[in-house]
Every structure is written in structure tokens, then in C-alpha cells.
Amino acid sequence: QLQASGGGLVQAGGSLRLSCAASGRTFSSYAMGWFRQAPGKEREFVAAISWSSSSTYYADSVKGRFTISRDNARNTVYLQMNSPEPEDTAVYYCAATNSHGLGGPYDYWGQGTQVTVSS
């Protein structure tokens, strides 16, 4: 129901935009989040956005470099990655929660998209 795309190989300092398209259900009333998992590490939170886009929240490690946004008419959430660093290399996942706030729990998960940042 959640399909992430847009991953690939990018040079450090470049830019990349990830997309997460929902199907089979509308997530326009759900808060959405991006998470990532690097090899040998646990999955970690990256960014989240409220259903109305009025609130966003970022991990300290990406604040100022990544931007989360959404288009409810398209049932799609985006993660704009500017100035990525090799440490951002991971599989990125999108997720949805119908809980109040951006902390989840996140009940719906998409498959991941690989992002590799070369130095």
C-alpha cells in the first residue's frame, strides 16, 4: 500500500528526492514518516509530517539538509535530500500512522528504497 521510490546512487553534496505513493487506501488523514536502516544498524527515524503539513519533525542528523513534504491530492509523500553525506547511505522506508502526533506508532510500512551516497 505504500511504495517508496527514487533511491539510487548520489554524490555527496548532491541532491535526491524520494517519493512514497499510497495505493489501496487514502493516507491523507495520516501522519507520515520516513525511516532508514543502514547495514548492521537498527532502523532509525528520519522525518515526519502531519496530515495537514502544518507540523514537521526531523532527526538532528538530517535537520537543515532534508525536507519532508506531502501532496494529499496525489496521496504521495516526499523526502528531499540535499547535501547528502556518505553516512546517509541506507535503505529508506516510508510509514504511516493514524495516531495523534508524529511519534506513531507507525502501523503501515512500505518496502524500502536504497540510497547510496558516494564520497
C-alpha atoms as a PDB file:
ATOM      1  CA  GLN A   1       0.000   0.000   0.000  1.00  0.00           C
ATOM      2  CA  LEU A   2       2.999   2.289   0.396  1.00  0.00           C
ATOM      3  CA  GLN A   3       5.502   2.287  -2.431  1.00  0.00           C
ATOM      4  CA  ALA A   4       8.796   4.112  -1.949  1.00  0.00           C
ATOM      5  CA  SER A   5      10.875   5.089  -4.948  1.00  0.00           C
ATOM      6  CA  GLY A   6      13.566   7.490  -6.067  1.00  0.00           C
ATOM      7  CA  GLY A   7      16.547   5.889  -4.412  1.00  0.00           C
ATOM      8  CA  GLY A   8      19.848   5.404  -6.164  1.00  0.00           C
ATOM      9  CA  LEU A   9      23.457   6.468  -6.173  1.00  0.00           C
ATOM     10  CA  VAL A  10      24.202  10.116  -5.457  1.00  0.00           C
ATOM     11  CA  GLN A  11      27.399  12.004  -4.811  1.00  0.00           C
ATOM     12  CA  ALA A  12      27.938  13.709  -1.503  1.00  0.00           C
ATOM     13  CA  GLY A  13      26.741  17.273  -1.749  1.00  0.00           C
ATOM     14  CA  GLY A  14      24.250  16.446  -4.474  1.00  0.00           C
ATOM     15  CA  SER A  15      20.517  16.006  -4.126  1.00  0.00           C
ATOM     16  CA  LEU A  16      17.934  13.275  -4.371  1.00  0.00           C
ATOM     17  CA  ARG A  17      14.187  13.169  -3.899  1.00  0.00           C
ATOM     18  CA  LEU A  18      12.407  10.130  -2.562  1.00  0.00           C
ATOM     19  CA  SER A  19       8.713   9.555  -3.135  1.00  0.00           C
ATOM     20  CA  CYS A  20       6.228   7.396  -1.291  1.00  0.00           C
ATOM     21  CA  ALA A  21       2.984   6.732  -3.136  1.00  0.00           C
ATOM     22  CA  ALA A  22      -0.002   5.216  -1.363  1.00  0.00           C
ATOM     23  CA  SER A  23      -2.484   2.934  -3.018  1.00  0.00           C
ATOM     24  CA  GLY A  24      -5.475   0.937  -1.905  1.00  0.00           C
ATOM     25  CA  ARG A  25      -6.222   3.366   0.877  1.00  0.00           C
ATOM     26  CA  THR A  26      -6.027   7.109   1.324  1.00  0.00           C
ATOM     27  CA  PHE A  27      -3.488   8.307   3.835  1.00  0.00           C
ATOM     28  CA  SER A  28      -4.463  11.962   3.624  1.00  0.00           C
ATOM     29  CA  SER A  29      -5.582  11.935   7.273  1.00  0.00           C
ATOM     30  CA  TYR A  30      -2.493  10.065   8.483  1.00  0.00           C
ATOM     31  CA  ALA A  31       0.808  11.441   9.681  1.00  0.00           C
ATOM     32  CA  MET A  32       3.619  10.115   7.521  1.00  0.00           C
ATOM     33  CA  GLY A  33       7.232   9.409   8.279  1.00  0.00           C
ATOM     34  CA  TRP A  34      10.497   8.392   6.720  1.00  0.00           C
ATOM     35  CA  PHE A  35      12.850   5.982   8.410  1.00  0.00           C
ATOM     36  CA  ARG A  36      16.132   4.425   7.346  1.00  0.00           C
ATOM     37  CA  GLN A  37      18.267   1.415   8.121  1.00  0.00           C
ATOM     38  CA  ALA A  38      21.970   1.195   7.367  1.00  0.00           C
ATOM     39  CA  PRO A  39      23.788  -2.136   7.169  1.00  0.00           C
ATOM     40  CA  GLY A  40      24.414  -3.534  10.610  1.00  0.00           C
ATOM     41  CA  LYS A  41      22.396  -0.805  12.298  1.00  0.00           C
ATOM     42  CA  GLU A  42      18.904  -0.518  13.676  1.00  0.00           C
ATOM     43  CA  ARG A  43      16.191   1.311  11.829  1.00  0.00           C
ATOM     44  CA  GLU A  44      16.081   4.981  12.773  1.00  0.00           C
ATOM     45  CA  PHE A  45      13.668   7.849  12.391  1.00  0.00           C
ATOM     46  CA  VAL A  46      14.438  10.465   9.741  1.00  0.00           C
ATOM     47  CA  ALA A  47      11.480  12.818   9.378  1.00  0.00           C
ATOM     48  CA  ALA A  48       7.724  13.052   9.854  1.00  0.00           C
ATOM     49  CA  ILE A  49       4.897  15.285   8.693  1.00  0.00           C
ATOM     50  CA  SER A  50       1.370  15.782   9.944  1.00  0.00           C
ATOM     51  CA  TRP A  51      -1.650  15.109   7.759  1.00  0.00           C
ATOM     52  CA  SER A  52      -2.130  18.816   7.068  1.00  0.00           C
ATOM     53  CA  SER A  53       1.587  19.546   6.614  1.00  0.00           C
ATOM     54  CA  SER A  54       1.315  22.024   9.474  1.00  0.00           C
ATOM     55  CA  SER A  55       3.894  20.140  11.538  1.00  0.00           C
ATOM     56  CA  THR A  56       7.163  18.523  10.613  1.00  0.00           C
ATOM     57  CA  TYR A  57       9.863  16.910  12.694  1.00  0.00           C
ATOM     58  CA  TYR A  58      13.389  15.862  11.818  1.00  0.00           C
ATOM     59  CA  ALA A  59      16.170  13.826  13.284  1.00  0.00           C
ATOM     60  CA  ASP A  60      19.060  16.043  14.299  1.00  0.00           C
ATOM     61  CA  SER A  61      21.302  14.269  11.831  1.00  0.00           C
ATOM     62  CA  VAL A  62      19.281  15.475   8.818  1.00  0.00           C
ATOM     63  CA  LYS A  63      17.873  18.763  10.071  1.00  0.00           C
ATOM     64  CA  GLY A  64      18.627  21.571   7.656  1.00  0.00           C
ATOM     65  CA  ARG A  65      19.509  19.170   4.851  1.00  0.00           C
ATOM     66  CA  PHE A  66      16.384  17.055   4.312  1.00  0.00           C
ATOM     67  CA  THR A  67      12.838  18.290   3.786  1.00  0.00           C
ATOM     68  CA  ILE A  68       9.682  16.223   4.105  1.00  0.00           C
ATOM     69  CA  SER A  69       6.550  17.281   2.245  1.00  0.00           C
ATOM     70  CA  ARG A  70       3.320  15.754   1.050  1.00  0.00           C
ATOM     71  CA  ASP A  71       0.690  16.134  -1.641  1.00  0.00           C
ATOM     72  CA  ASN A  72      -2.558  14.702  -0.346  1.00  0.00           C
ATOM     73  CA  ALA A  73      -4.236  15.077  -3.727  1.00  0.00           C
ATOM     74  CA  ARG A  74      -1.633  12.676  -5.105  1.00  0.00           C
ATOM     75  CA  ASN A  75      -1.527  10.543  -1.949  1.00  0.00           C
ATOM     76  CA  THR A  76       2.247  10.965  -2.003  1.00  0.00           C
ATOM     77  CA  VAL A  77       4.911  11.958   0.495  1.00  0.00           C
ATOM     78  CA  TYR A  78       8.358  13.195  -0.454  1.00  0.00           C
ATOM     79  CA  LEU A  79      11.765  13.411   1.133  1.00  0.00           C
ATOM     80  CA  GLN A  80      14.046  15.949  -0.486  1.00  0.00           C
ATOM     81  CA  MET A  81      17.633  15.089   0.379  1.00  0.00           C
ATOM     82  CA  ASN A  82      20.040  17.968  -0.119  1.00  0.00           C
ATOM     83  CA  SER A  83      23.745  17.778   0.609  1.00  0.00           C
ATOM     84  CA  PRO A  84      23.611  14.088   1.451  1.00  0.00           C
ATOM     85  CA  GLU A  85      26.610  12.572   3.183  1.00  0.00           C
ATOM     86  CA  PRO A  86      28.034   9.042   2.997  1.00  0.00           C
ATOM     87  CA  GLU A  87      26.563   8.494   6.473  1.00  0.00           C
ATOM     88  CA  ASP A  88      23.096   8.863   4.926  1.00  0.00           C
ATOM     89  CA  THR A  89      23.593   5.644   2.967  1.00  0.00           C
ATOM     90  CA  ALA A  90      20.757   3.312   3.958  1.00  0.00           C
ATOM     91  CA  VAL A  91      17.529   1.717   2.882  1.00  0.00           C
ATOM     92  CA  TYR A  92      14.813   4.321   3.296  1.00  0.00           C
ATOM     93  CA  TYR A  93      11.275   3.382   4.295  1.00  0.00           C
ATOM     94  CA  CYS A  94       8.079   5.373   4.428  1.00  0.00           C
ATOM     95  CA  ALA A  95       5.399   4.709   7.003  1.00  0.00           C
ATOM     96  CA  ALA A  96       2.023   5.982   8.124  1.00  0.00           C
ATOM     97  CA  THR A  97       0.343   6.427  11.482  1.00  0.00           C
ATOM     98  CA  ASN A  98      -3.203   7.421  12.393  1.00  0.00           C
ATOM     99  CA  SER A  99      -2.163   8.286  15.925  1.00  0.00           C
ATOM    100  CA  HIS A 100      -2.215  11.845  17.169  1.00  0.00           C
ATOM    101  CA  GLY A 101       1.179  13.443  16.882  1.00  0.00           C
ATOM    102  CA  LEU A 102       4.166  12.409  14.848  1.00  0.00           C
ATOM    103  CA  GLY A 103       5.589   9.827  17.213  1.00  0.00           C
ATOM    104  CA  GLY A 104       3.500   6.946  15.988  1.00  0.00           C
ATOM    105  CA  PRO A 105       3.221   4.059  16.395  1.00  0.00           C
ATOM    106  CA  TYR A 106       3.552   3.653  12.662  1.00  0.00           C
ATOM    107  CA  ASP A 107       1.179   0.978  11.509  1.00  0.00           C
ATOM    108  CA  TYR A 108       1.733   0.880   7.760  1.00  0.00           C
ATOM    109  CA  TRP A 109       5.079   0.415   6.117  1.00  0.00           C
ATOM    110  CA  GLY A 110       6.277   0.422   2.552  1.00  0.00           C
ATOM    111  CA  GLN A 111       9.108  -1.519   1.071  1.00  0.00           C
ATOM    112  CA  GLY A 112      12.418   0.293   1.165  1.00  0.00           C
ATOM    113  CA  THR A 113      14.393   2.123  -1.453  1.00  0.00           C
ATOM    114  CA  GLN A 114      18.173   2.029  -1.384  1.00  0.00           C
ATOM    115  CA  VAL A 115      20.099   5.295  -1.167  1.00  0.00           C
ATOM    116  CA  THR A 116      23.849   5.178  -1.597  1.00  0.00           C
ATOM    117  CA  VAL A 117      25.909   8.330  -1.129  1.00  0.00           C
ATOM    118  CA  SER A 118      29.406   8.281  -2.554  1.00  0.00           C
ATOM    119  CA  SER A 119      32.167  10.474  -1.192  1.00  0.00           C
END
